[in-house]
Amino acid sequence: MLLQSWEHNPRLLGPHDNMSQYVRHLTIADFKGDSEVFNAAALEKIIGHVRHLQSFSCNACEPVPEAVISKLEASWLDTRLRVTNTRRKILVFDEPNTDTRLLPSLLLYSLTYNIFYFTVGKREMPASEMPKLKEVILRSPRLRVLHLRFY
């Protein structure tokens, strides 16, 4: 089921609606952070109501909210978490913007991610967030699909 706004699927928010028993795959088309219509609290509610979730996919401009990942981990241990996060903001050395809650998740099955290189200091030594990302990826036992884009 592809979700673009909660207005289109209010039945998923109701705990007694039969529609939630048929949802196997939940896809968030474009998560840009919380808004009036599309927010993490409603998403948590939906995750709690579906009965047979097999995969959760998200195209995220912002980090996936910690509460959403925690709810998935608590409710669906066998769910495949698929995240595309290719529109991250360009990395500024003092302001890392990696998704620190998503990357170490045990549910992470598929990840498409941008890796940024930058220069540090007067000598303009090249640096990257790749070493930190590599440590996290190596500890992800269920990660099977990895697409990295280097910038």
C-alpha atoms as a PDB file:
ATOM      1  CA  MET A   1       0.000   0.000   0.000  1.00  0.00           C
ATOM      2  CA  LEU A   2       1.441   3.362  -1.045  1.00  0.00           C
ATOM      3  CA  LEU A   3       0.790   6.197   1.374  1.00  0.00           C
ATOM      4  CA  GLN A   4       1.044   9.776   0.203  1.00  0.00           C
ATOM      5  CA  SER A   5      -1.114  11.307   2.914  1.00  0.00           C
ATOM      6  CA  TRP A   6      -3.236  10.069   5.779  1.00  0.00           C
ATOM      7  CA  GLU A   7      -6.284  11.804   4.305  1.00  0.00           C
ATOM      8  CA  HIS A   8      -6.446   9.119   1.612  1.00  0.00           C
ATOM      9  CA  ASN A   9      -6.318   6.231   4.091  1.00  0.00           C
ATOM     10  CA  PRO A  10      -8.164   7.141   7.308  1.00  0.00           C
ATOM     11  CA  ARG A  11      -9.282   3.513   7.619  1.00  0.00           C
ATOM     12  CA  LEU A  12      -5.745   2.465   8.526  1.00  0.00           C
ATOM     13  CA  LEU A  13      -5.920   4.694  11.593  1.00  0.00           C
ATOM     14  CA  GLY A  14      -8.981   2.850  12.922  1.00  0.00           C
ATOM     15  CA  PRO A  15      -8.055  -0.140  15.103  1.00  0.00           C
ATOM     16  CA  HIS A  16     -11.199  -2.115  14.227  1.00  0.00           C
ATOM     17  CA  ASP A  17     -11.233  -1.688  10.452  1.00  0.00           C
ATOM     18  CA  ASN A  18     -10.687  -4.874   8.433  1.00  0.00           C
ATOM     19  CA  MET A  19      -8.495  -3.124   5.863  1.00  0.00           C
ATOM     20  CA  SER A  20      -5.474  -3.333   8.167  1.00  0.00           C
ATOM     21  CA  GLN A  21      -5.470  -7.135   8.019  1.00  0.00           C
ATOM     22  CA  TYR A  22      -4.747  -7.060   4.267  1.00  0.00           C
ATOM     23  CA  VAL A  23      -1.722  -4.736   4.391  1.00  0.00           C
ATOM     24  CA  ARG A  24       1.515  -6.652   3.753  1.00  0.00           C
ATOM     25  CA  HIS A  25       3.739  -3.918   2.333  1.00  0.00           C
ATOM     26  CA  LEU A  26       3.668  -0.334   3.534  1.00  0.00           C
ATOM     27  CA  THR A  27       5.420   2.298   1.393  1.00  0.00           C
ATOM     28  CA  ILE A  28       5.893   5.924   2.391  1.00  0.00           C
ATOM     29  CA  ALA A  29       6.250   7.726  -0.913  1.00  0.00           C
ATOM     30  CA  ASP A  30       8.081  10.833   0.272  1.00  0.00           C
ATOM     31  CA  PHE A  31       8.757  11.436   3.959  1.00  0.00           C
ATOM     32  CA  LYS A  32       9.912  15.029   4.401  1.00  0.00           C
ATOM     33  CA  GLY A  33       9.459  15.147   8.149  1.00  0.00           C
ATOM     34  CA  ASP A  34       6.374  15.756  10.215  1.00  0.00           C
ATOM     35  CA  SER A  35       3.587  17.884   8.770  1.00  0.00           C
ATOM     36  CA  GLU A  36      -0.061  18.477   9.627  1.00  0.00           C
ATOM     37  CA  VAL A  37      -1.233  15.654   7.387  1.00  0.00           C
ATOM     38  CA  PHE A  38       1.692  13.265   7.393  1.00  0.00           C
ATOM     39  CA  ASN A  39       3.395  12.690  10.737  1.00  0.00           C
ATOM     40  CA  ALA A  40       5.284  10.105  12.759  1.00  0.00           C
ATOM     41  CA  ALA A  41       2.517   9.711  15.368  1.00  0.00           C
ATOM     42  CA  ALA A  42      -0.029   8.652  12.749  1.00  0.00           C
ATOM     43  CA  LEU A  43       2.523   6.352  11.131  1.00  0.00           C
ATOM     44  CA  GLU A  44       3.196   4.691  14.490  1.00  0.00           C
ATOM     45  CA  LYS A  45      -0.550   4.151  14.888  1.00  0.00           C
ATOM     46  CA  ILE A  46      -0.817   2.534  11.463  1.00  0.00           C
ATOM     47  CA  ILE A  47       2.162   0.253  12.153  1.00  0.00           C
ATOM     48  CA  GLY A  48       0.442  -0.816  15.358  1.00  0.00           C
ATOM     49  CA  HIS A  49      -2.841  -1.598  13.567  1.00  0.00           C
ATOM     50  CA  VAL A  50      -1.657  -3.630  10.590  1.00  0.00           C
ATOM     51  CA  ARG A  51      -1.638  -7.360  11.256  1.00  0.00           C
ATOM     52  CA  HIS A  52       0.635  -8.977   8.666  1.00  0.00           C
ATOM     53  CA  LEU A  53       3.340  -6.464   7.741  1.00  0.00           C
ATOM     54  CA  GLN A  54       6.142  -7.994   5.653  1.00  0.00           C
ATOM     55  CA  SER A  55       7.983  -4.904   4.422  1.00  0.00           C
ATOM     56  CA  PHE A  56       8.156  -1.203   5.179  1.00  0.00           C
ATOM     57  CA  SER A  57       9.621   1.073   2.491  1.00  0.00           C
ATOM     58  CA  CYS A  58      10.372   4.745   2.817  1.00  0.00           C
ATOM     59  CA  ASN A  59      11.788   7.434   0.523  1.00  0.00           C
ATOM     60  CA  ALA A  60      13.135   9.832   3.110  1.00  0.00           C
ATOM     61  CA  CYS A  61      14.444  13.372   2.771  1.00  0.00           C
ATOM     62  CA  GLU A  62      14.799  13.581   6.543  1.00  0.00           C
ATOM     63  CA  PRO A  63      15.925  10.907   8.997  1.00  0.00           C
ATOM     64  CA  VAL A  64      13.203   8.346   9.676  1.00  0.00           C
ATOM     65  CA  PRO A  65      11.788   9.240  13.121  1.00  0.00           C
ATOM     66  CA  GLU A  66      13.219   7.164  15.952  1.00  0.00           C
ATOM     67  CA  ALA A  67       9.720   6.416  17.262  1.00  0.00           C
ATOM     68  CA  VAL A  68       8.724   4.856  13.920  1.00  0.00           C
ATOM     69  CA  ILE A  69      11.775   2.591  13.788  1.00  0.00           C
ATOM     70  CA  SER A  70      11.293   1.614  17.436  1.00  0.00           C
ATOM     71  CA  LYS A  71       7.640   0.750  16.772  1.00  0.00           C
ATOM     72  CA  LEU A  72       8.641  -1.398  13.787  1.00  0.00           C
ATOM     73  CA  GLU A  73      11.298  -3.194  15.817  1.00  0.00           C
ATOM     74  CA  ALA A  74       8.905  -3.787  18.715  1.00  0.00           C
ATOM     75  CA  SER A  75       5.962  -4.937  16.575  1.00  0.00           C
ATOM     76  CA  TRP A  76       7.452  -6.630  13.505  1.00  0.00           C
ATOM     77  CA  LEU A  77      10.733  -8.473  14.031  1.00  0.00           C
ATOM     78  CA  ASP A  78      10.564 -10.120  10.588  1.00  0.00           C
ATOM     79  CA  THR A  79       9.684  -7.013   8.599  1.00  0.00           C
ATOM     80  CA  ARG A  80      12.087  -5.942   5.863  1.00  0.00           C
ATOM     81  CA  LEU A  81      12.961  -2.271   6.226  1.00  0.00           C
ATOM     82  CA  ARG A  82      13.796  -0.704   2.843  1.00  0.00           C
ATOM     83  CA  VAL A  83      14.982   2.910   2.855  1.00  0.00           C
ATOM     84  CA  THR A  84      15.957   5.231   0.036  1.00  0.00           C
ATOM     85  CA  ASN A  85      17.639   8.318   1.398  1.00  0.00           C
ATOM     86  CA  THR A  86      19.256   9.966  -1.613  1.00  0.00           C
ATOM     87  CA  ARG A  87      18.185  13.523  -0.993  1.00  0.00           C
ATOM     88  CA  ARG A  88      20.144  14.114   2.172  1.00  0.00           C
ATOM     89  CA  LYS A  89      21.465  17.610   2.631  1.00  0.00           C
ATOM     90  CA  ILE A  90      25.074  18.099   1.594  1.00  0.00           C
ATOM     91  CA  LEU A  91      27.328  17.291   4.489  1.00  0.00           C
ATOM     92  CA  VAL A  92      28.913  20.112   6.435  1.00  0.00           C
ATOM     93  CA  PHE A  93      31.902  18.847   8.430  1.00  0.00           C
ATOM     94  CA  ASP A  94      30.658  20.152  11.793  1.00  0.00           C
ATOM     95  CA  GLU A  95      27.078  19.031  11.190  1.00  0.00           C
ATOM     96  CA  PRO A  96      26.866  15.342  10.341  1.00  0.00           C
ATOM     97  CA  ASN A  97      23.408  14.391   9.121  1.00  0.00           C
ATOM     98  CA  THR A  98      23.559  10.618   8.986  1.00  0.00           C
ATOM     99  CA  ASP A  99      20.472   8.786  10.134  1.00  0.00           C
ATOM    100  CA  THR A 100      21.910   7.458  13.396  1.00  0.00           C
ATOM    101  CA  ARG A 101      18.789   5.510  14.393  1.00  0.00           C
ATOM    102  CA  LEU A 102      18.068   3.915  11.019  1.00  0.00           C
ATOM    103  CA  LEU A 103      21.503   2.609  10.092  1.00  0.00           C
ATOM    104  CA  PRO A 104      22.026   0.268  13.075  1.00  0.00           C
ATOM    105  CA  SER A 105      18.451  -1.078  12.931  1.00  0.00           C
ATOM    106  CA  LEU A 106      18.270  -4.873  12.882  1.00  0.00           C
ATOM    107  CA  LEU A 107      15.350  -4.645  10.426  1.00  0.00           C
ATOM    108  CA  LEU A 108      17.368  -2.853   7.738  1.00  0.00           C
ATOM    109  CA  TYR A 109      17.207  -5.003   4.603  1.00  0.00           C
ATOM    110  CA  SER A 110      17.757  -2.543   1.749  1.00  0.00           C
ATOM    111  CA  LEU A 111      19.453   0.857   1.775  1.00  0.00           C
ATOM    112  CA  THR A 112      20.110   3.443  -0.927  1.00  0.00           C
ATOM    113  CA  TYR A 113      22.262   6.204   0.548  1.00  0.00           C
ATOM    114  CA  ASN A 114      24.440   9.162  -0.451  1.00  0.00           C
ATOM    115  CA  ILE A 115      28.011   9.320   0.843  1.00  0.00           C
ATOM    116  CA  PHE A 116      29.668  12.725   0.885  1.00  0.00           C
ATOM    117  CA  TYR A 117      33.367  13.512   0.703  1.00  0.00           C
ATOM    118  CA  PHE A 118      34.686  16.765   2.084  1.00  0.00           C
ATOM    119  CA  THR A 119      38.007  18.450   2.791  1.00  0.00           C
ATOM    120  CA  VAL A 120      39.343  19.212   6.251  1.00  0.00           C
ATOM    121  CA  GLY A 121      41.861  21.747   7.510  1.00  0.00           C
ATOM    122  CA  LYS A 122      44.404  23.967   5.832  1.00  0.00           C
ATOM    123  CA  ARG A 123      45.916  21.113   3.836  1.00  0.00           C
ATOM    124  CA  GLU A 124      42.481  20.225   2.500  1.00  0.00           C
ATOM    125  CA  MET A 125      42.823  16.575   3.458  1.00  0.00           C
ATOM    126  CA  PRO A 126      40.020  14.491   1.978  1.00  0.00           C
ATOM    127  CA  ALA A 127      37.663  12.926   4.487  1.00  0.00           C
ATOM    128  CA  SER A 128      34.479  10.927   4.252  1.00  0.00           C
ATOM    129  CA  GLU A 129      31.671   9.597   6.378  1.00  0.00           C
ATOM    130  CA  MET A 130      32.319   6.176   4.822  1.00  0.00           C
ATOM    131  CA  PRO A 131      34.406   4.719   7.715  1.00  0.00           C
ATOM    132  CA  LYS A 132      31.610   5.370  10.196  1.00  0.00           C
ATOM    133  CA  LEU A 133      29.000   4.041   7.783  1.00  0.00           C
ATOM    134  CA  LYS A 134      31.124   0.953   7.088  1.00  0.00           C
ATOM    135  CA  GLU A 135      31.213   0.048  10.802  1.00  0.00           C
ATOM    136  CA  VAL A 136      27.441   0.271  11.033  1.00  0.00           C
ATOM    137  CA  ILE A 137      26.842  -1.678   7.820  1.00  0.00           C
ATOM    138  CA  LEU A 138      29.135  -4.515   8.876  1.00  0.00           C
ATOM    139  CA  ARG A 139      27.048  -4.929  12.027  1.00  0.00           C
ATOM    140  CA  SER A 140      23.755  -5.102  10.080  1.00  0.00           C
ATOM    141  CA  PRO A 141      23.020  -8.827   9.871  1.00  0.00           C
ATOM    142  CA  ARG A 142      19.937  -8.550   7.626  1.00  0.00           C
ATOM    143  CA  LEU A 143      21.233  -5.957   5.150  1.00  0.00           C
ATOM    144  CA  ARG A 144      21.129  -7.598   1.718  1.00  0.00           C
ATOM    145  CA  VAL A 145      20.771  -4.712  -0.761  1.00  0.00           C
ATOM    146  CA  LEU A 146      23.081  -1.703  -0.581  1.00  0.00           C
ATOM    147  CA  HIS A 147      23.306   1.127  -3.111  1.00  0.00           C
ATOM    148  CA  LEU A 148      25.800   3.871  -2.277  1.00  0.00           C
ATOM    149  CA  ARG A 149      26.213   7.055  -4.259  1.00  0.00           C
ATOM    150  CA  PHE A 150      29.411   9.012  -3.713  1.00  0.00           C
ATOM    151  CA  TYR A 151      29.524  12.815  -3.927  1.00  0.00           C
END
